[in-house]
Every structure is written in C-alpha cells, then in structure tokens.
Amino acid sequence: LDSHSNSDSHKLYRTQDELETLQDPIENYVAYL
C-alpha cells in the first residue's frame, strides 16, 4: 500500500488507477468481522 521505503515515491511508477484498486487487508478483515 505504501512506497518501497521513506526514500521512495511509488507515485513515480504506479498509476492512480492502480493505487485505487489496491486492497487493504485490514479493511477486508474488518468487513468480514
């Protein structure tokens, strides 16, 4: 969900569409609970 490290910015190589489709396991698990 984040950049590789604090010295990196994944917005340089990941599109906004890709970032918006990422799944958060905590959100998914909370929904399940």
Full PDB file with SEQRES, HELIX, SHEET, SSBOND, CRYST1, ORIGX, SCALE, CONECT and MASTER records, all heavy atoms in Angstrom:
SEQRES   1 A   33  LEU ASP SER HIS SER ASN SER ASP SER HIS LYS LEU TYR          
SEQRES   2 A   33  ARG THR GLN ASP GLU LEU GLU THR LEU GLN ASP PRO ILE          
SEQRES   3 A   33  GLU ASN TYR VAL ALA TYR LEU                                  
HELIX    1 AA1 HIS A   10  LEU A   12  5                                   3    
HELIX    2 AA2 GLN A   16  THR A   21  1                                   6    
HELIX    3 AA3 PRO A   25  TYR A   32  1                                   8    
CRYST1    1.000    1.000    1.000  90.00  90.00  90.00 P 1           1          
ORIGX1      1.000000  0.000000  0.000000        0.00000                         
ORIGX2      0.000000  1.000000  0.000000        0.00000                         
ORIGX3      0.000000  0.000000  1.000000        0.00000                         
SCALE1      1.000000  0.000000  0.000000        0.00000                         
SCALE2      0.000000  1.000000  0.000000        0.00000                         
SCALE3      0.000000  0.000000  1.000000        0.00000                         
ATOM      1  N   LEU A   1       0.805  -1.222   0.000  1.00  0.00           N  
ATOM      2  CA  LEU A   1       0.000   0.000   0.000  1.00  0.00           C  
ATOM      3  C   LEU A   1       0.837   1.270   0.000  1.00  0.00           C  
ATOM      4  O   LEU A   1       0.344   2.327  -0.412  1.00  0.00           O  
ATOM      5  CB  LEU A   1      -0.927  -0.002   1.222  1.00  0.00           C  
ATOM      6  CG  LEU A   1      -1.882  -1.197   1.343  1.00  0.00           C  
ATOM      7  CD1 LEU A   1      -2.777  -1.034   2.561  1.00  0.00           C  
ATOM      8  CD2 LEU A   1      -2.724  -1.352   0.072  1.00  0.00           C  
ATOM      9  N   ASP A   2       2.068   1.193   0.465  1.00  0.00           N  
ATOM     10  CA  ASP A   2       2.926   2.375   0.552  1.00  0.00           C  
ATOM     11  C   ASP A   2       4.085   2.274  -0.434  1.00  0.00           C  
ATOM     12  O   ASP A   2       4.265   1.256  -1.103  1.00  0.00           O  
ATOM     13  CB  ASP A   2       3.486   2.522   1.970  1.00  0.00           C  
ATOM     14  CG  ASP A   2       2.410   2.905   2.975  1.00  0.00           C  
ATOM     15  OD1 ASP A   2       1.365   3.440   2.555  1.00  0.00           O  
ATOM     16  OD2 ASP A   2       2.608   2.654   4.185  1.00  0.00           O  
ATOM     17  N   SER A   3       4.876   3.320  -0.470  1.00  0.00           N  
ATOM     18  CA  SER A   3       6.102   3.290  -1.265  1.00  0.00           C  
ATOM     19  C   SER A   3       7.048   2.245  -0.697  1.00  0.00           C  
ATOM     20  O   SER A   3       6.883   1.776   0.433  1.00  0.00           O  
ATOM     21  CB  SER A   3       6.767   4.666  -1.258  1.00  0.00           C  
ATOM     22  OG  SER A   3       5.904   5.639  -1.826  1.00  0.00           O  
ATOM     23  N   HIS A   4       8.059   1.894  -1.476  1.00  0.00           N  
ATOM     24  CA  HIS A   4       9.001   0.873  -1.030  1.00  0.00           C  
ATOM     25  C   HIS A   4       9.608   1.227   0.330  1.00  0.00           C  
ATOM     26  O   HIS A   4       9.722   0.382   1.219  1.00  0.00           O  
ATOM     27  CB  HIS A   4      10.121   0.704  -2.057  1.00  0.00           C  
ATOM     28  CG  HIS A   4      11.268  -0.120  -1.579  1.00  0.00           C  
ATOM     29  ND1 HIS A   4      11.167  -1.474  -1.346  1.00  0.00           N  
ATOM     30  CD2 HIS A   4      12.548   0.230  -1.251  1.00  0.00           C  
ATOM     31  CE1 HIS A   4      12.333  -1.935  -0.923  1.00  0.00           C  
ATOM     32  NE2 HIS A   4      13.176  -0.927  -0.850  1.00  0.00           N  
ATOM     33  N   SER A   5      10.002   2.478   0.490  1.00  0.00           N  
ATOM     34  CA  SER A   5      10.581   2.952   1.749  1.00  0.00           C  
ATOM     35  C   SER A   5      10.363   4.451   1.828  1.00  0.00           C  
ATOM     36  O   SER A   5       9.792   5.066   0.913  1.00  0.00           O  
ATOM     37  CB  SER A   5      12.078   2.631   1.809  1.00  0.00           C  
ATOM     38  OG  SER A   5      12.796   3.424   0.872  1.00  0.00           O  
ATOM     39  N   ASN A   6      10.837   5.056   2.911  1.00  0.00           N  
ATOM     40  CA  ASN A   6      10.662   6.501   3.049  1.00  0.00           C  
ATOM     41  C   ASN A   6      11.499   7.282   2.040  1.00  0.00           C  
ATOM     42  O   ASN A   6      11.277   8.475   1.827  1.00  0.00           O  
ATOM     43  CB  ASN A   6      11.017   6.940   4.470  1.00  0.00           C  
ATOM     44  CG  ASN A   6      12.481   6.749   4.797  1.00  0.00           C  
ATOM     45  OD1 ASN A   6      12.940   5.623   4.943  1.00  0.00           O  
ATOM     46  ND2 ASN A   6      13.234   7.845   4.909  1.00  0.00           N  
ATOM     47  N   SER A   7      12.461   6.626   1.384  1.00  0.00           N  
ATOM     48  CA  SER A   7      13.282   7.315   0.384  1.00  0.00           C  
ATOM     49  C   SER A   7      12.759   7.097  -1.034  1.00  0.00           C  
ATOM     50  O   SER A   7      13.429   7.426  -2.002  1.00  0.00           O  
ATOM     51  CB  SER A   7      14.736   6.838   0.471  1.00  0.00           C  
ATOM     52  OG  SER A   7      14.820   5.447   0.214  1.00  0.00           O  
ATOM     53  N   ASP A   8      11.569   6.528  -1.149  1.00  0.00           N  
ATOM     54  CA  ASP A   8      10.987   6.186  -2.448  1.00  0.00           C  
ATOM     55  C   ASP A   8       9.602   6.818  -2.559  1.00  0.00           C  
ATOM     56  O   ASP A   8       8.937   7.071  -1.552  1.00  0.00           O  
ATOM     57  CB  ASP A   8      10.890   4.648  -2.549  1.00  0.00           C  
ATOM     58  CG  ASP A   8      10.119   4.192  -3.774  1.00  0.00           C  
ATOM     59  OD1 ASP A   8      10.520   4.576  -4.878  1.00  0.00           O  
ATOM     60  OD2 ASP A   8       9.125   3.450  -3.616  1.00  0.00           O  
ATOM     61  N   SER A   9       9.159   7.085  -3.777  1.00  0.00           N  
ATOM     62  CA  SER A   9       7.783   7.537  -4.009  1.00  0.00           C  
ATOM     63  C   SER A   9       7.163   6.665  -5.093  1.00  0.00           C  
ATOM     64  O   SER A   9       7.569   6.724  -6.255  1.00  0.00           O  
ATOM     65  CB  SER A   9       7.749   9.005  -4.451  1.00  0.00           C  
ATOM     66  OG  SER A   9       6.412   9.368  -4.813  1.00  0.00           O  
ATOM     67  N   HIS A  10       6.202   5.814  -4.693  1.00  0.00           N  
ATOM     68  CA  HIS A  10       5.630   4.894  -5.679  1.00  0.00           C  
ATOM     69  C   HIS A  10       4.728   5.598  -6.693  1.00  0.00           C  
ATOM     70  O   HIS A  10       4.336   5.000  -7.694  1.00  0.00           O  
ATOM     71  CB  HIS A  10       4.895   3.738  -4.999  1.00  0.00           C  
ATOM     72  CG  HIS A  10       3.723   4.129  -4.152  1.00  0.00           C  
ATOM     73  ND1 HIS A  10       2.939   3.194  -3.521  1.00  0.00           N  
ATOM     74  CD2 HIS A  10       3.177   5.334  -3.822  1.00  0.00           C  
ATOM     75  CE1 HIS A  10       1.981   3.785  -2.845  1.00  0.00           C  
ATOM     76  NE2 HIS A  10       2.108   5.081  -3.016  1.00  0.00           N  
ATOM     77  N   LYS A  11       4.432   6.867  -6.476  1.00  0.00           N  
ATOM     78  CA  LYS A  11       3.628   7.593  -7.448  1.00  0.00           C  
ATOM     79  C   LYS A  11       4.394   7.851  -8.743  1.00  0.00           C  
ATOM     80  O   LYS A  11       3.783   8.195  -9.763  1.00  0.00           O  
ATOM     81  CB  LYS A  11       3.155   8.919  -6.844  1.00  0.00           C  
ATOM     82  CG  LYS A  11       2.148   8.726  -5.703  1.00  0.00           C  
ATOM     83  CD  LYS A  11       1.661  10.050  -5.148  1.00  0.00           C  
ATOM     84  CE  LYS A  11       0.651   9.825  -4.029  1.00  0.00           C  
ATOM     85  NZ  LYS A  11       0.158  11.109  -3.444  1.00  0.00           N  
ATOM     86  N   LEU A  12       5.720   7.657  -8.682  1.00  0.00           N  
ATOM     87  CA  LEU A  12       6.532   7.819  -9.885  1.00  0.00           C  
ATOM     88  C   LEU A  12       6.340   6.654 -10.853  1.00  0.00           C  
ATOM     89  O   LEU A  12       6.570   6.805 -12.055  1.00  0.00           O  
ATOM     90  CB  LEU A  12       8.015   7.918  -9.511  1.00  0.00           C  
ATOM     91  CG  LEU A  12       8.446   9.158  -8.720  1.00  0.00           C  
ATOM     92  CD1 LEU A  12       9.910   9.035  -8.300  1.00  0.00           C  
ATOM     93  CD2 LEU A  12       8.249  10.416  -9.568  1.00  0.00           C  
ATOM     94  N   TYR A  13       5.953   5.503 -10.360  1.00  0.00           N  
ATOM     95  CA  TYR A  13       5.881   4.323 -11.221  1.00  0.00           C  
ATOM     96  C   TYR A  13       4.571   3.543 -11.095  1.00  0.00           C  
ATOM     97  O   TYR A  13       4.418   2.499 -11.704  1.00  0.00           O  
ATOM     98  CB  TYR A  13       7.067   3.389 -10.948  1.00  0.00           C  
ATOM     99  CG  TYR A  13       7.317   3.081  -9.487  1.00  0.00           C  
ATOM    100  CD1 TYR A  13       6.622   2.069  -8.831  1.00  0.00           C  
ATOM    101  CD2 TYR A  13       8.269   3.805  -8.769  1.00  0.00           C  
ATOM    102  CE1 TYR A  13       6.856   1.791  -7.496  1.00  0.00           C  
ATOM    103  CE2 TYR A  13       8.509   3.523  -7.433  1.00  0.00           C  
ATOM    104  CZ  TYR A  13       7.806   2.520  -6.793  1.00  0.00           C  
ATOM    105  OH  TYR A  13       8.034   2.249  -5.474  1.00  0.00           O  
ATOM    106  N   ARG A  14       3.624   4.051 -10.300  1.00  0.00           N  
ATOM    107  CA  ARG A  14       2.313   3.400 -10.208  1.00  0.00           C  
ATOM    108  C   ARG A  14       1.248   4.426 -10.585  1.00  0.00           C  
ATOM    109  O   ARG A  14       1.266   5.569 -10.118  1.00  0.00           O  
ATOM    110  CB  ARG A  14       2.046   2.876  -8.795  1.00  0.00           C  
ATOM    111  CG  ARG A  14       3.073   1.872  -8.321  1.00  0.00           C  
ATOM    112  CD  ARG A  14       2.898   1.494  -6.865  1.00  0.00           C  
ATOM    113  NE  ARG A  14       2.038   0.333  -6.696  1.00  0.00           N  
ATOM    114  CZ  ARG A  14       1.824  -0.262  -5.517  1.00  0.00           C  
ATOM    115  NH1 ARG A  14       2.382   0.228  -4.419  1.00  0.00           N  
ATOM    116  NH2 ARG A  14       1.043  -1.318  -5.439  1.00  0.00           N  
ATOM    117  N   THR A  15       0.336   4.021 -11.424  1.00  0.00           N  
ATOM    118  CA  THR A  15      -0.711   4.942 -11.867  1.00  0.00           C  
ATOM    119  C   THR A  15      -1.738   5.135 -10.761  1.00  0.00           C  
ATOM    120  O   THR A  15      -1.865   4.313  -9.845  1.00  0.00           O  
ATOM    121  CB  THR A  15      -1.415   4.398 -13.113  1.00  0.00           C  
ATOM    122  OG1 THR A  15      -2.125   3.193 -12.766  1.00  0.00           O  
ATOM    123  CG2 THR A  15      -0.411   4.096 -14.223  1.00  0.00           C  
ATOM    124  N   GLN A  16      -2.503   6.205 -10.885  1.00  0.00           N  
ATOM    125  CA  GLN A  16      -3.553   6.472  -9.910  1.00  0.00           C  
ATOM    126  C   GLN A  16      -4.608   5.371  -9.937  1.00  0.00           C  
ATOM    127  O   GLN A  16      -5.125   4.965  -8.893  1.00  0.00           O  
ATOM    128  CB  GLN A  16      -4.203   7.837 -10.196  1.00  0.00           C  
ATOM    129  CG  GLN A  16      -5.191   8.288  -9.129  1.00  0.00           C  
ATOM    130  CD  GLN A  16      -4.547   8.443  -7.766  1.00  0.00           C  
ATOM    131  OE1 GLN A  16      -3.386   8.845  -7.652  1.00  0.00           O  
ATOM    132  NE2 GLN A  16      -5.296   8.120  -6.714  1.00  0.00           N  
ATOM    133  N   ASP A  17      -4.896   4.861 -11.132  1.00  0.00           N  
ATOM    134  CA  ASP A  17      -5.872   3.771 -11.237  1.00  0.00           C  
ATOM    135  C   ASP A  17      -5.392   2.540 -10.473  1.00  0.00           C  
ATOM    136  O   ASP A  17      -6.180   1.864  -9.792  1.00  0.00           O  
ATOM    137  CB  ASP A  17      -6.104   3.406 -12.709  1.00  0.00           C  
ATOM    138  CG  ASP A  17      -6.909   4.466 -13.439  1.00  0.00           C  
ATOM    139  OD1 ASP A  17      -7.531   5.309 -12.752  1.00  0.00           O  
ATOM    140  OD2 ASP A  17      -6.901   4.459 -14.690  1.00  0.00           O  
ATOM    141  N   GLU A  18      -4.098   2.244 -10.604  1.00  0.00           N  
ATOM    142  CA  GLU A  18      -3.553   1.088  -9.885  1.00  0.00           C  
ATOM    143  C   GLU A  18      -3.645   1.300  -8.383  1.00  0.00           C  
ATOM    144  O   GLU A  18      -4.046   0.391  -7.639  1.00  0.00           O  
ATOM    145  CB  GLU A  18      -2.090   0.862 -10.282  1.00  0.00           C  
ATOM    146  CG  GLU A  18      -1.425  -0.309  -9.554  1.00  0.00           C  
ATOM    147  CD  GLU A  18       0.062  -0.415  -9.826  1.00  0.00           C  
ATOM    148  OE1 GLU A  18       0.562   0.318 -10.701  1.00  0.00           O  
ATOM    149  OE2 GLU A  18       0.724  -1.229  -9.151  1.00  0.00           O  
ATOM    150  N   LEU A  19      -3.276   2.482  -7.918  1.00  0.00           N  
ATOM    151  CA  LEU A  19      -3.309   2.760  -6.485  1.00  0.00           C  
ATOM    152  C   LEU A  19      -4.719   2.650  -5.927  1.00  0.00           C  
ATOM    153  O   LEU A  19      -4.920   2.205  -4.789  1.00  0.00           O  
ATOM    154  CB  LEU A  19      -2.738   4.154  -6.210  1.00  0.00           C  
ATOM    155  CG  LEU A  19      -1.237   4.338  -6.485  1.00  0.00           C  
ATOM    156  CD1 LEU A  19      -0.830   5.793  -6.312  1.00  0.00           C  
ATOM    157  CD2 LEU A  19      -0.411   3.452  -5.561  1.00  0.00           C  
ATOM    158  N   GLU A  20      -5.703   3.035  -6.730  1.00  0.00           N  
ATOM    159  CA  GLU A  20      -7.082   2.994  -6.256  1.00  0.00           C  
ATOM    160  C   GLU A  20      -7.653   1.580  -6.201  1.00  0.00           C  
ATOM    161  O   GLU A  20      -8.649   1.341  -5.520  1.00  0.00           O  
ATOM    162  CB  GLU A  20      -7.961   3.881  -7.154  1.00  0.00           C  
ATOM    163  CG  GLU A  20      -7.680   5.374  -6.968  1.00  0.00           C  
ATOM    164  CD  GLU A  20      -8.459   6.233  -7.951  1.00  0.00           C  
ATOM    165  OE1 GLU A  20      -9.170   5.651  -8.809  1.00  0.00           O  
ATOM    166  OE2 GLU A  20      -8.369   7.469  -7.864  1.00  0.00           O  
ATOM    167  N   THR A  21      -7.017   0.654  -6.895  1.00  0.00           N  
ATOM    168  CA  THR A  21      -7.525  -0.730  -6.887  1.00  0.00           C  
ATOM    169  C   THR A  21      -6.849  -1.606  -5.834  1.00  0.00           C  
ATOM    170  O   THR A  21      -7.219  -2.777  -5.677  1.00  0.00           O  
ATOM    171  CB  THR A  21      -7.320  -1.387  -8.265  1.00  0.00           C  
ATOM    172  OG1 THR A  21      -5.918  -1.415  -8.575  1.00  0.00           O  
ATOM    173  CG2 THR A  21      -8.074  -0.624  -9.349  1.00  0.00           C  
ATOM    174  N   LEU A  22      -5.852  -1.061  -5.110  1.00  0.00           N  
ATOM    175  CA  LEU A  22      -5.167  -1.848  -4.090  1.00  0.00           C  
ATOM    176  C   LEU A  22      -6.123  -2.205  -2.959  1.00  0.00           C  
ATOM    177  O   LEU A  22      -6.955  -1.399  -2.546  1.00  0.00           O  
ATOM    178  CB  LEU A  22      -3.976  -1.073  -3.531  1.00  0.00           C  
ATOM    179  CG  LEU A  22      -2.878  -0.679  -4.526  1.00  0.00           C  
ATOM    180  CD1 LEU A  22      -1.786   0.129  -3.829  1.00  0.00           C  
ATOM    181  CD2 LEU A  22      -2.276  -1.911  -5.196  1.00  0.00           C  
ATOM    182  N   GLN A  23      -5.969  -3.422  -2.462  1.00  0.00           N  
ATOM    183  CA  GLN A  23      -6.836  -3.897  -1.385  1.00  0.00           C  
ATOM    184  C   GLN A  23      -6.113  -3.842  -0.046  1.00  0.00           C  
ATOM    185  O   GLN A  23      -4.977  -4.303   0.072  1.00  0.00           O  
ATOM    186  CB  GLN A  23      -7.297  -5.331  -1.651  1.00  0.00           C  
ATOM    187  CG  GLN A  23      -8.188  -5.480  -2.878  1.00  0.00           C  
ATOM    188  CD  GLN A  23      -8.764  -6.875  -2.985  1.00  0.00           C  
ATOM    189  OE1 GLN A  23      -9.136  -7.501  -1.981  1.00  0.00           O  
ATOM    190  NE2 GLN A  23      -8.854  -7.386  -4.205  1.00  0.00           N  
ATOM    191  N   ASP A  24      -6.809  -3.313   0.952  1.00  0.00           N  
ATOM    192  CA  ASP A  24      -6.269  -3.199   2.298  1.00  0.00           C  
ATOM    193  C   ASP A  24      -6.741  -4.407   3.106  1.00  0.00           C  
ATOM    194  O   ASP A  24      -7.944  -4.597   3.308  1.00  0.00           O  
ATOM    195  CB  ASP A  24      -6.764  -1.905   2.949  1.00  0.00           C  
ATOM    196  CG  ASP A  24      -6.131  -1.653   4.304  1.00  0.00           C  
ATOM    197  OD1 ASP A  24      -5.738  -2.623   4.979  1.00  0.00           O  
ATOM    198  OD2 ASP A  24      -6.048  -0.475   4.708  1.00  0.00           O  
ATOM    199  N   PRO A  25      -5.833  -5.261   3.583  1.00  0.00           N  
ATOM    200  CA  PRO A  25      -6.247  -6.457   4.310  1.00  0.00           C  
ATOM    201  C   PRO A  25      -6.979  -6.141   5.609  1.00  0.00           C  
ATOM    202  O   PRO A  25      -7.844  -6.920   6.041  1.00  0.00           O  
ATOM    203  CB  PRO A  25      -4.924  -7.187   4.581  1.00  0.00           C  
ATOM    204  CG  PRO A  25      -3.883  -6.123   4.523  1.00  0.00           C  
ATOM    205  CD  PRO A  25      -4.362  -5.151   3.500  1.00  0.00           C  
ATOM    206  N   ILE A  26      -6.649  -5.007   6.233  1.00  0.00           N  
ATOM    207  CA  ILE A  26      -7.337  -4.647   7.471  1.00  0.00           C  
ATOM    208  C   ILE A  26      -8.785  -4.281   7.172  1.00  0.00           C  
ATOM    209  O   ILE A  26      -9.715  -4.728   7.869  1.00  0.00           O  
ATOM    210  CB  ILE A  26      -6.603  -3.493   8.182  1.00  0.00           C  
ATOM    211  CG1 ILE A  26      -5.215  -3.954   8.622  1.00  0.00           C  
ATOM    212  CG2 ILE A  26      -7.410  -2.993   9.372  1.00  0.00           C  
ATOM    213  CD1 ILE A  26      -4.390  -2.893   9.336  1.00  0.00           C  
ATOM    214  N   GLU A  27      -9.011  -3.496   6.141  1.00  0.00           N  
ATOM    215  CA  GLU A  27     -10.387  -3.148   5.767  1.00  0.00           C  
ATOM    216  C   GLU A  27     -11.178  -4.398   5.405  1.00  0.00           C  
ATOM    217  O   GLU A  27     -12.336  -4.552   5.811  1.00  0.00           O  
ATOM    218  CB  GLU A  27     -10.370  -2.163   4.595  1.00  0.00           C  
ATOM    219  CG  GLU A  27      -9.844  -0.782   4.946  1.00  0.00           C  
ATOM    220  CD  GLU A  27      -9.866   0.153   3.742  1.00  0.00           C  
ATOM    221  OE1 GLU A  27     -10.320  -0.286   2.652  1.00  0.00           O  
ATOM    222  OE2 GLU A  27      -9.433   1.313   3.886  1.00  0.00           O  
ATOM    223  N   ASN A  28     -10.553  -5.283   4.648  1.00  0.00           N  
ATOM    224  CA  ASN A  28     -11.245  -6.520   4.264  1.00  0.00           C  
ATOM    225  C   ASN A  28     -11.569  -7.374   5.483  1.00  0.00           C  
ATOM    226  O   ASN A  28     -12.659  -7.957   5.579  1.00  0.00           O  
ATOM    227  CB  ASN A  28     -10.391  -7.329   3.292  1.00  0.00           C  
ATOM    228  CG  ASN A  28     -10.297  -6.698   1.914  1.00  0.00           C  
ATOM    229  OD1 ASN A  28     -11.078  -5.804   1.579  1.00  0.00           O  
ATOM    230  ND2 ASN A  28      -9.345  -7.145   1.115  1.00  0.00           N  
ATOM    231  N   TYR A  29     -10.636  -7.456   6.418  1.00  0.00           N  
ATOM    232  CA  TYR A  29     -10.846  -8.304   7.587  1.00  0.00           C  
ATOM    233  C   TYR A  29     -11.895  -7.701   8.524  1.00  0.00           C  
ATOM    234  O   TYR A  29     -12.726  -8.418   9.092  1.00  0.00           O  
ATOM    235  CB  TYR A  29      -9.524  -8.501   8.329  1.00  0.00           C  
ATOM    236  CG  TYR A  29      -9.598  -9.553   9.409  1.00  0.00           C  
ATOM    237  CD1 TYR A  29      -9.970 -10.858   9.110  1.00  0.00           C  
ATOM    238  CD2 TYR A  29      -9.297  -9.238  10.737  1.00  0.00           C  
ATOM    239  CE1 TYR A  29     -10.032 -11.829  10.099  1.00  0.00           C  
ATOM    240  CE2 TYR A  29      -9.355 -10.198  11.729  1.00  0.00           C  
ATOM    241  CZ  TYR A  29      -9.725 -11.495  11.401  1.00  0.00           C  
ATOM    242  OH  TYR A  29      -9.800 -12.453  12.386  1.00  0.00           O  
ATOM    243  N   VAL A  30     -11.874  -6.387   8.665  1.00  0.00           N  
ATOM    244  CA  VAL A  30     -12.887  -5.717   9.483  1.00  0.00           C  
ATOM    245  C   VAL A  30     -14.268  -5.952   8.885  1.00  0.00           C  
ATOM    246  O   VAL A  30     -15.241  -6.236   9.611  1.00  0.00           O  
ATOM    247  CB  VAL A  30     -12.578  -4.214   9.604  1.00  0.00           C  
ATOM    248  CG1 VAL A  30     -13.780  -3.459  10.164  1.00  0.00           C  
ATOM    249  CG2 VAL A  30     -11.353  -3.989  10.488  1.00  0.00           C  
ATOM    250  N   ALA A  31     -14.381  -5.847   7.576  1.00  0.00           N  
ATOM    251  CA  ALA A  31     -15.664  -6.105   6.923  1.00  0.00           C  
ATOM    252  C   ALA A  31     -16.126  -7.539   7.192  1.00  0.00           C  
ATOM    253  O   ALA A  31     -17.318  -7.796   7.439  1.00  0.00           O  
ATOM    254  CB  ALA A  31     -15.546  -5.851   5.422  1.00  0.00           C  
ATOM    255  N   TYR A  32     -15.188  -8.467   7.170  1.00  0.00           N  
ATOM    256  CA  TYR A  32     -15.510  -9.873   7.446  1.00  0.00           C  
ATOM    257  C   TYR A  32     -16.008 -10.042   8.881  1.00  0.00           C  
ATOM    258  O   TYR A  32     -17.016 -10.728   9.135  1.00  0.00           O  
ATOM    259  CB  TYR A  32     -14.259 -10.719   7.201  1.00  0.00           C  
ATOM    260  CG  TYR A  32     -14.279 -12.097   7.801  1.00  0.00           C  
ATOM    261  CD1 TYR A  32     -14.997 -13.132   7.202  1.00  0.00           C  
ATOM    262  CD2 TYR A  32     -13.569 -12.381   8.976  1.00  0.00           C  
ATOM    263  CE1 TYR A  32     -15.007 -14.409   7.757  1.00  0.00           C  
ATOM    264  CE2 TYR A  32     -13.571 -13.642   9.533  1.00  0.00           C  
ATOM    265  CZ  TYR A  32     -14.289 -14.651   8.929  1.00  0.00           C  
ATOM    266  OH  TYR A  32     -14.305 -15.906   9.478  1.00  0.00           O  
ATOM    267  N   LEU A  33     -15.328  -9.384   9.844  1.00  0.00           N  
ATOM    268  CA  LEU A  33     -15.732  -9.495  11.246  1.00  0.00           C  
ATOM    269  C   LEU A  33     -17.084  -8.831  11.493  1.00  0.00           C  
ATOM    270  O   LEU A  33     -17.911  -9.339  12.259  1.00  0.00           O  
ATOM    271  CB  LEU A  33     -14.660  -8.873  12.148  1.00  0.00           C  
ATOM    272  CG  LEU A  33     -13.303  -9.588  12.211  1.00  0.00           C  
ATOM    273  CD1 LEU A  33     -12.339  -8.823  13.111  1.00  0.00           C  
ATOM    274  CD2 LEU A  33     -13.468 -11.019  12.718  1.00  0.00           C  
TER     275      LEU A  33                                                      
MASTER        0    0    0    3    0    0    0    6  274    1    0    3          
END                                                                             
